[in-house]
Each structure stands twice: as structure tokens, then as C-alpha cells.
Protein backbone atom coordinates (compact mmCIF):
# COMPACT_ATOMS: atom_id res chain seq x y z
CA UNK A 1 -91.40 -119.27 -55.64
CA UNK A 2 -93.08 -117.06 -58.23
CA UNK A 3 -90.25 -115.99 -60.49
CA UNK A 4 -86.72 -116.67 -61.60
CA UNK A 5 -85.32 -114.09 -59.20
CA UNK A 6 -86.23 -116.41 -56.31
CA UNK A 7 -84.95 -119.57 -58.00
CA UNK A 8 -81.56 -120.83 -56.75
CA UNK A 9 -80.24 -122.48 -59.92
CA UNK A 10 -77.58 -125.09 -59.37
CA UNK A 11 -74.33 -125.18 -61.35
CA UNK A 12 -75.60 -127.62 -63.98
CA UNK A 13 -78.76 -125.56 -64.59
CA UNK A 14 -76.73 -122.36 -64.94
CA UNK A 15 -74.42 -124.05 -67.42
CA UNK A 16 -77.29 -125.44 -69.53
CA UNK A 17 -79.09 -122.07 -69.56
CA UNK A 18 -75.87 -120.30 -70.53
CA UNK A 19 -75.26 -122.86 -73.30
CA UNK A 20 -78.66 -121.98 -74.75
CA UNK A 21 -77.35 -118.50 -75.49
CA UNK A 22 -73.98 -119.78 -76.70
CA UNK A 23 -75.67 -122.20 -79.11
CA UNK A 24 -77.04 -119.31 -81.14
CA UNK A 25 -73.58 -117.69 -81.27
CA UNK A 26 -71.97 -120.88 -82.55
CA UNK A 27 -74.64 -121.16 -85.22
CA UNK A 28 -73.81 -117.63 -86.40
CA UNK A 29 -70.22 -118.68 -86.98
CA UNK A 30 -71.21 -121.82 -88.88
CA UNK A 31 -74.09 -120.57 -91.03
CA UNK A 32 -73.65 -116.81 -91.24
CA UNK A 33 -75.22 -116.19 -94.65
CA UNK A 34 -78.24 -118.39 -93.96
CA UNK A 35 -80.64 -116.96 -91.36
CA UNK A 36 -82.35 -120.29 -90.62
CA UNK A 37 -79.23 -121.93 -89.13
CA UNK A 38 -79.39 -119.91 -85.87
CA UNK A 39 -83.05 -120.74 -85.41
CA UNK A 40 -82.49 -124.45 -86.04
CA UNK A 41 -79.63 -124.58 -83.53
CA UNK A 42 -81.72 -122.78 -80.91
CA UNK A 43 -84.71 -125.05 -81.60
CA UNK A 44 -82.56 -128.15 -81.28
CA UNK A 45 -81.17 -126.97 -77.95
CA UNK A 46 -84.63 -125.92 -76.74
CA UNK A 47 -86.21 -129.28 -77.58
CA UNK A 48 -83.34 -131.20 -76.01
CA UNK A 49 -83.84 -129.22 -72.78
CA UNK A 50 -87.61 -128.75 -72.65
CA UNK A 51 -87.89 -131.27 -69.79
CA UNK A 52 -85.17 -129.49 -67.80
CA UNK A 53 -85.76 -127.21 -64.86
CA UNK A 54 -87.81 -124.07 -65.26
CA UNK A 55 -84.66 -121.90 -65.14
CA UNK A 56 -83.14 -123.75 -68.11
CA UNK A 57 -86.42 -123.86 -70.07
CA UNK A 58 -87.04 -120.15 -69.50
CA UNK A 59 -83.64 -119.11 -70.85
CA UNK A 60 -83.81 -121.56 -73.77
CA UNK A 61 -87.25 -120.13 -74.60
CA UNK A 62 -85.96 -116.56 -74.51
CA UNK A 63 -83.14 -117.53 -76.88
CA UNK A 64 -85.57 -119.28 -79.22
CA UNK A 65 -87.98 -116.34 -79.31
CA UNK A 66 -85.16 -113.91 -80.04
CA UNK A 67 -83.91 -116.15 -82.85
CA UNK A 68 -87.41 -116.27 -84.37
CA UNK A 69 -87.39 -112.47 -84.52
CA UNK A 70 -83.90 -112.43 -86.02
CA UNK A 71 -84.95 -115.01 -88.60
CA UNK A 72 -87.69 -112.73 -89.91
CA UNK A 73 -85.48 -109.63 -90.01
CA UNK A 74 -82.52 -111.46 -91.57
CA UNK A 75 -84.65 -113.42 -94.06
CA UNK A 76 -86.03 -110.20 -95.49
CA UNK A 77 -82.50 -108.83 -95.90
CA UNK A 78 -81.26 -112.10 -97.38
CA UNK A 79 -84.06 -112.39 -99.93
CA UNK A 80 -83.73 -108.69 -100.85
CA UNK A 81 -79.98 -109.21 -101.39
CA UNK A 82 -80.63 -112.25 -103.59
CA UNK A 83 -83.17 -110.24 -105.61
CA UNK A 84 -80.56 -107.54 -106.20
CA UNK A 85 -77.83 -110.03 -107.11
CA UNK A 86 -79.88 -112.38 -109.28
CA UNK A 87 -83.13 -110.57 -110.04
CA UNK A 88 -84.55 -107.31 -111.27
CA UNK A 89 -84.13 -105.35 -108.02
CA UNK A 90 -81.68 -102.46 -107.93
CA UNK A 91 -79.51 -101.14 -105.17
CA UNK A 92 -81.36 -98.34 -103.38
CA UNK A 93 -81.12 -96.15 -100.30
CA UNK A 94 -83.92 -98.17 -98.71
CA UNK A 95 -81.91 -101.37 -99.15
CA UNK A 96 -78.75 -99.81 -97.71
CA UNK A 97 -80.69 -98.40 -94.75
CA UNK A 98 -82.33 -101.78 -94.11
CA UNK A 99 -79.02 -103.61 -94.28
CA UNK A 100 -77.41 -101.12 -91.87
CA UNK A 101 -80.37 -101.60 -89.53
CA UNK A 102 -79.98 -105.38 -89.76
CA UNK A 103 -76.28 -105.06 -89.03
CA UNK A 104 -76.97 -102.90 -85.97
CA UNK A 105 -79.77 -105.22 -84.81
CA UNK A 106 -77.63 -108.35 -85.17
CA UNK A 107 -74.62 -106.72 -83.50
CA UNK A 108 -76.77 -105.62 -80.57
CA UNK A 109 -78.28 -109.09 -80.23
CA UNK A 110 -74.79 -110.63 -80.43
CA UNK A 111 -73.56 -108.43 -77.57
CA UNK A 112 -76.70 -109.09 -75.49
CA UNK A 113 -76.31 -112.83 -76.06
CA UNK A 114 -72.70 -112.89 -74.88
CA UNK A 115 -73.62 -110.78 -71.86
CA UNK A 116 -76.61 -113.00 -71.06
CA UNK A 117 -74.54 -116.19 -71.36
CA UNK A 118 -71.96 -114.84 -68.91
CA UNK A 119 -74.53 -113.50 -66.43
CA UNK A 120 -76.72 -116.61 -66.52
CA UNK A 121 -73.64 -118.80 -65.98
CA UNK A 122 -73.03 -116.76 -62.80
CA UNK A 123 -76.60 -117.47 -61.69
CA UNK A 124 -78.09 -114.07 -62.56
CA UNK A 125 -81.45 -113.88 -64.28
CA UNK A 126 -81.35 -111.94 -67.56
CA UNK A 127 -84.63 -110.74 -69.01
CA UNK A 128 -84.38 -108.88 -72.32
CA UNK A 129 -86.64 -105.85 -72.83
CA UNK A 130 -88.78 -107.26 -75.65
CA UNK A 131 -88.34 -111.02 -75.42
CA UNK A 132 -88.42 -111.31 -71.61
CA UNK A 133 -92.13 -110.48 -71.17
CA UNK A 134 -92.96 -112.68 -74.16
CA UNK A 135 -90.96 -115.52 -72.62
CA UNK A 136 -92.79 -115.02 -69.32
CA UNK A 137 -96.08 -115.48 -71.18
CA UNK A 138 -94.83 -118.63 -72.95
CA UNK A 139 -92.95 -120.30 -70.11
CA UNK A 140 -95.14 -120.37 -67.04
CA UNK A 141 -93.50 -120.99 -63.67
CA UNK A 142 -94.11 -124.31 -61.98
CA UNK A 143 -97.05 -124.38 -59.64
CA UNK A 144 -96.16 -124.61 -55.98
CA UNK A 145 -97.58 -127.52 -54.12
CA UNK A 146 -99.47 -126.68 -51.01
CA UNK A 147 -100.13 -129.01 -48.13
CA UNK A 148 -103.69 -128.89 -46.89
CA UNK A 149 -104.19 -129.41 -43.17
């Protein structure tokens, strides 16, 4: 068994892996203006499942890595907004373009997350274009045991 495509995840594993994606969505609803809340929720779920099966760990890792990326993108937008509201920054076309990009990026990630949660719950493996290969590098598959004759 070399990859997740060969792994027959049981119902509990599929549910846990799916919940990893749903955790980040729930965090969005709770802490929308603060970009760190999603990351903290994903980290908490990751650390509570790091001893789970490889299928669960892999999908929790992919969620965590995607939330790290979102944290950086959203934190820049959040701090820029605070500088405009409370500091010397002024509203500019660059700011508006960045905020529209953030909105599009977050909306896309939101849709991908819902889709991934549904597909993973059905037992399908979902590997996102950017975070999937990174997750493969971070979450190595278990080594097969071989019996020597």
C-alpha cells in the first residue's frame, strides 16, 4: 500500500477525516474577522488526531497546511484594514484589489473544503493542487512490513 488511493478507510476514519475539513468551516463562522481562529481550530483537530490512521492524519495535515496559507493571506488583509481604519494608511486601488483577491481566495477555499468534506466522507481521496503535494511530503505513508523467509 503506497498511497491513499489504495487505502480502504473504514467509516470512522472517513468521518474523522471529513470532520477535519468541517472544523475549519465551523471556525470561520465563529471567528470570521480574526484569521487565527481557523488555524487554531485546525491545529487542535490535527493534534487530537495525529495518532490516528494515516488516512485521517493525511487529511488533517492537508487542512492544517491550507489554513496556514490562509492565515498569512488573511492576516495581511486584516492588518492592512486596521491600518486604514486606525492608522495613517489610505484606501487605495491596491487595497481594494487585494481584498477582492482575498475574498475570491477564501470563497474558493470554502467551496473546496465543503467538497472535500463530502468526498472524503464517501471514502474518496481528495488531493488539492497546491497543498496535496506538500501534504504528501509532510505526511509519509506507513512503511509496509515484509516477512523475510
